[in-house]
Amino acid sequence: ESRWPYLFGAIIVPSLIQIVILPFLPESPRYLLLEKHNTSKAEKAFQTFLGKDDVSHEVEEVLAESRVQRNTKLVSVLQLLRTHAVRWQVITVVVTMGCYQLCGLNAV
């Protein structure tokens, strides 16, 4: 019982390791391309991750995916429930997650 503080303090070691290593890790190519709009750094990051020189296909793929996501229409929960094609799937997921919360498995 007297060693509980050491158990809680053990989390400090992985945290310090992560803080030291984090500045040396490369940025995500998707983040550099879509958020920072820096194509050259994104290409360098792709080259680092994939180990090949020609990454134009990957850059175009990420840009195409971004265009598709921007054109996707968001729907509300009510609209989702009114859509006949997905109504039963949504109800099934809601009931399953509700039962999961109420069964006490999280407490175990």
C-alpha atoms as a PDB file:
ATOM      1  CA  GLU A   1       0.000   0.000   0.000  1.00  0.00           C
ATOM      2  CA  SER A   2       2.869   2.355   0.677  1.00  0.00           C
ATOM      3  CA  ARG A   3       4.198   1.841  -2.885  1.00  0.00           C
ATOM      4  CA  TRP A   4       1.147   3.283  -4.695  1.00  0.00           C
ATOM      5  CA  PRO A   5       2.840   6.658  -5.305  1.00  0.00           C
ATOM      6  CA  TYR A   6       5.641   4.854  -7.150  1.00  0.00           C
ATOM      7  CA  LEU A   7       3.113   3.103  -9.358  1.00  0.00           C
ATOM      8  CA  PHE A   8       1.435   6.389 -10.248  1.00  0.00           C
ATOM      9  CA  GLY A   9       4.839   8.042 -10.740  1.00  0.00           C
ATOM     10  CA  ALA A  10       5.968   5.376 -13.211  1.00  0.00           C
ATOM     11  CA  ILE A  11       4.023   7.130 -15.970  1.00  0.00           C
ATOM     12  CA  ILE A  12       6.577   9.933 -15.853  1.00  0.00           C
ATOM     13  CA  VAL A  13       9.274   7.821 -17.546  1.00  0.00           C
ATOM     14  CA  PRO A  14       7.409   7.150 -20.863  1.00  0.00           C
ATOM     15  CA  SER A  15       6.184  10.754 -20.867  1.00  0.00           C
ATOM     16  CA  LEU A  16       9.694  12.137 -20.596  1.00  0.00           C
ATOM     17  CA  ILE A  17      10.930   9.788 -23.327  1.00  0.00           C
ATOM     18  CA  GLN A  18       8.136  10.974 -25.621  1.00  0.00           C
ATOM     19  CA  ILE A  19       8.869  14.646 -24.904  1.00  0.00           C
ATOM     20  CA  VAL A  20      12.549  14.148 -25.751  1.00  0.00           C
ATOM     21  CA  ILE A  21      11.906  12.176 -28.972  1.00  0.00           C
ATOM     22  CA  LEU A  22       8.942  14.162 -30.316  1.00  0.00           C
ATOM     23  CA  PRO A  23      10.879  17.110 -31.813  1.00  0.00           C
ATOM     24  CA  PHE A  24      12.918  14.700 -33.954  1.00  0.00           C
ATOM     25  CA  LEU A  25       9.923  12.955 -35.536  1.00  0.00           C
ATOM     26  CA  PRO A  26       8.779  14.131 -38.984  1.00  0.00           C
ATOM     27  CA  GLU A  27       5.473  15.896 -39.502  1.00  0.00           C
ATOM     28  CA  SER A  28       2.586  14.022 -41.074  1.00  0.00           C
ATOM     29  CA  PRO A  29       2.509  14.466 -44.862  1.00  0.00           C
ATOM     30  CA  ARG A  30      -1.272  14.937 -44.812  1.00  0.00           C
ATOM     31  CA  TYR A  31      -0.968  17.648 -42.166  1.00  0.00           C
ATOM     32  CA  LEU A  32       1.750  19.442 -44.109  1.00  0.00           C
ATOM     33  CA  LEU A  33      -0.198  19.253 -47.350  1.00  0.00           C
ATOM     34  CA  LEU A  34      -3.745  19.986 -46.201  1.00  0.00           C
ATOM     35  CA  GLU A  35      -3.271  22.206 -43.149  1.00  0.00           C
ATOM     36  CA  LYS A  36       0.037  23.978 -43.783  1.00  0.00           C
ATOM     37  CA  HIS A  37      -0.309  23.996 -47.623  1.00  0.00           C
ATOM     38  CA  ASN A  38       3.394  23.190 -47.920  1.00  0.00           C
ATOM     39  CA  THR A  39       3.756  20.817 -50.864  1.00  0.00           C
ATOM     40  CA  SER A  40       7.546  20.576 -50.819  1.00  0.00           C
ATOM     41  CA  LYS A  41       7.738  19.552 -47.152  1.00  0.00           C
ATOM     42  CA  ALA A  42       4.858  17.118 -47.685  1.00  0.00           C
ATOM     43  CA  GLU A  43       6.722  15.511 -50.580  1.00  0.00           C
ATOM     44  CA  LYS A  44       9.864  15.214 -48.442  1.00  0.00           C
ATOM     45  CA  ALA A  45       7.831  13.606 -45.646  1.00  0.00           C
ATOM     46  CA  PHE A  46       6.270  11.142 -48.106  1.00  0.00           C
ATOM     47  CA  GLN A  47       9.734  10.319 -49.433  1.00  0.00           C
ATOM     48  CA  THR A  48      10.960   9.705 -45.886  1.00  0.00           C
ATOM     49  CA  PHE A  49       8.020   7.451 -44.995  1.00  0.00           C
ATOM     50  CA  LEU A  50       7.773   5.543 -48.263  1.00  0.00           C
ATOM     51  CA  GLY A  51      11.458   5.420 -49.200  1.00  0.00           C
ATOM     52  CA  LYS A  52      10.960   6.313 -52.850  1.00  0.00           C
ATOM     53  CA  ASP A  53      11.690   9.419 -54.903  1.00  0.00           C
ATOM     54  CA  ASP A  54       8.496   9.775 -56.951  1.00  0.00           C
ATOM     55  CA  VAL A  55       5.640  10.523 -54.555  1.00  0.00           C
ATOM     56  CA  SER A  56       3.492  12.591 -56.918  1.00  0.00           C
ATOM     57  CA  HIS A  57       0.845   9.844 -57.008  1.00  0.00           C
ATOM     58  CA  GLU A  58       0.487   9.917 -53.203  1.00  0.00           C
ATOM     59  CA  VAL A  59       0.274  13.719 -53.147  1.00  0.00           C
ATOM     60  CA  GLU A  60      -2.444  13.677 -55.809  1.00  0.00           C
ATOM     61  CA  GLU A  61      -4.290  10.937 -53.915  1.00  0.00           C
ATOM     62  CA  VAL A  62      -4.338  13.012 -50.710  1.00  0.00           C
ATOM     63  CA  LEU A  63      -5.507  16.108 -52.604  1.00  0.00           C
ATOM     64  CA  ALA A  64      -8.265  14.124 -54.335  1.00  0.00           C
ATOM     65  CA  GLU A  65      -9.419  12.705 -51.014  1.00  0.00           C
ATOM     66  CA  SER A  66      -9.493  16.215 -49.577  1.00  0.00           C
ATOM     67  CA  ARG A  67     -11.657  17.429 -52.467  1.00  0.00           C
ATOM     68  CA  VAL A  68     -14.077  14.542 -51.925  1.00  0.00           C
ATOM     69  CA  GLN A  69     -14.305  15.298 -48.198  1.00  0.00           C
ATOM     70  CA  ARG A  70     -15.023  18.982 -48.871  1.00  0.00           C
ATOM     71  CA  ASN A  71     -17.847  18.037 -51.242  1.00  0.00           C
ATOM     72  CA  THR A  72     -19.416  15.580 -48.804  1.00  0.00           C
ATOM     73  CA  LYS A  73     -22.685  16.810 -47.357  1.00  0.00           C
ATOM     74  CA  LEU A  74     -23.056  16.535 -43.598  1.00  0.00           C
ATOM     75  CA  VAL A  75     -26.359  15.237 -42.253  1.00  0.00           C
ATOM     76  CA  SER A  76     -27.954  15.690 -38.879  1.00  0.00           C
ATOM     77  CA  VAL A  77     -28.976  12.845 -36.594  1.00  0.00           C
ATOM     78  CA  LEU A  78     -32.628  13.410 -37.488  1.00  0.00           C
ATOM     79  CA  GLN A  79     -31.860  13.213 -41.207  1.00  0.00           C
ATOM     80  CA  LEU A  80     -29.844  10.070 -40.585  1.00  0.00           C
ATOM     81  CA  LEU A  81     -32.773   8.425 -38.787  1.00  0.00           C
ATOM     82  CA  ARG A  82     -35.173   9.481 -41.544  1.00  0.00           C
ATOM     83  CA  THR A  83     -33.030   7.775 -44.187  1.00  0.00           C
ATOM     84  CA  HIS A  84     -34.585   4.361 -44.644  1.00  0.00           C
ATOM     85  CA  ALA A  85     -31.355   2.741 -45.882  1.00  0.00           C
ATOM     86  CA  VAL A  86     -29.428   3.256 -42.622  1.00  0.00           C
ATOM     87  CA  ARG A  87     -32.170   3.583 -39.991  1.00  0.00           C
ATOM     88  CA  TRP A  88     -31.922   0.021 -38.672  1.00  0.00           C
ATOM     89  CA  GLN A  89     -28.128   0.088 -38.595  1.00  0.00           C
ATOM     90  CA  VAL A  90     -28.165   3.277 -36.512  1.00  0.00           C
ATOM     91  CA  ILE A  91     -30.805   1.898 -34.144  1.00  0.00           C
ATOM     92  CA  THR A  92     -28.835  -1.348 -33.766  1.00  0.00           C
ATOM     93  CA  VAL A  93     -25.633   0.534 -32.899  1.00  0.00           C
ATOM     94  CA  VAL A  94     -27.434   2.822 -30.417  1.00  0.00           C
ATOM     95  CA  VAL A  95     -29.123  -0.098 -28.639  1.00  0.00           C
ATOM     96  CA  THR A  96     -25.900  -2.125 -28.562  1.00  0.00           C
ATOM     97  CA  MET A  97     -23.880   0.754 -27.110  1.00  0.00           C
ATOM     98  CA  GLY A  98     -26.651   1.495 -24.594  1.00  0.00           C
ATOM     99  CA  CYS A  99     -26.666  -2.116 -23.407  1.00  0.00           C
ATOM    100  CA  TYR A 100     -22.873  -2.088 -23.241  1.00  0.00           C
ATOM    101  CA  GLN A 101     -22.965   0.952 -20.950  1.00  0.00           C
ATOM    102  CA  LEU A 102     -25.661  -0.518 -18.722  1.00  0.00           C
ATOM    103  CA  CYS A 103     -24.310  -4.064 -18.377  1.00  0.00           C
ATOM    104  CA  GLY A 104     -21.473  -3.088 -16.041  1.00  0.00           C
ATOM    105  CA  LEU A 105     -18.649  -4.302 -18.268  1.00  0.00           C
ATOM    106  CA  ASN A 106     -16.947  -0.896 -18.016  1.00  0.00           C
ATOM    107  CA  ALA A 107     -16.828  -1.230 -14.239  1.00  0.00           C
ATOM    108  CA  VAL A 108     -15.029  -4.561 -14.511  1.00  0.00           C
END
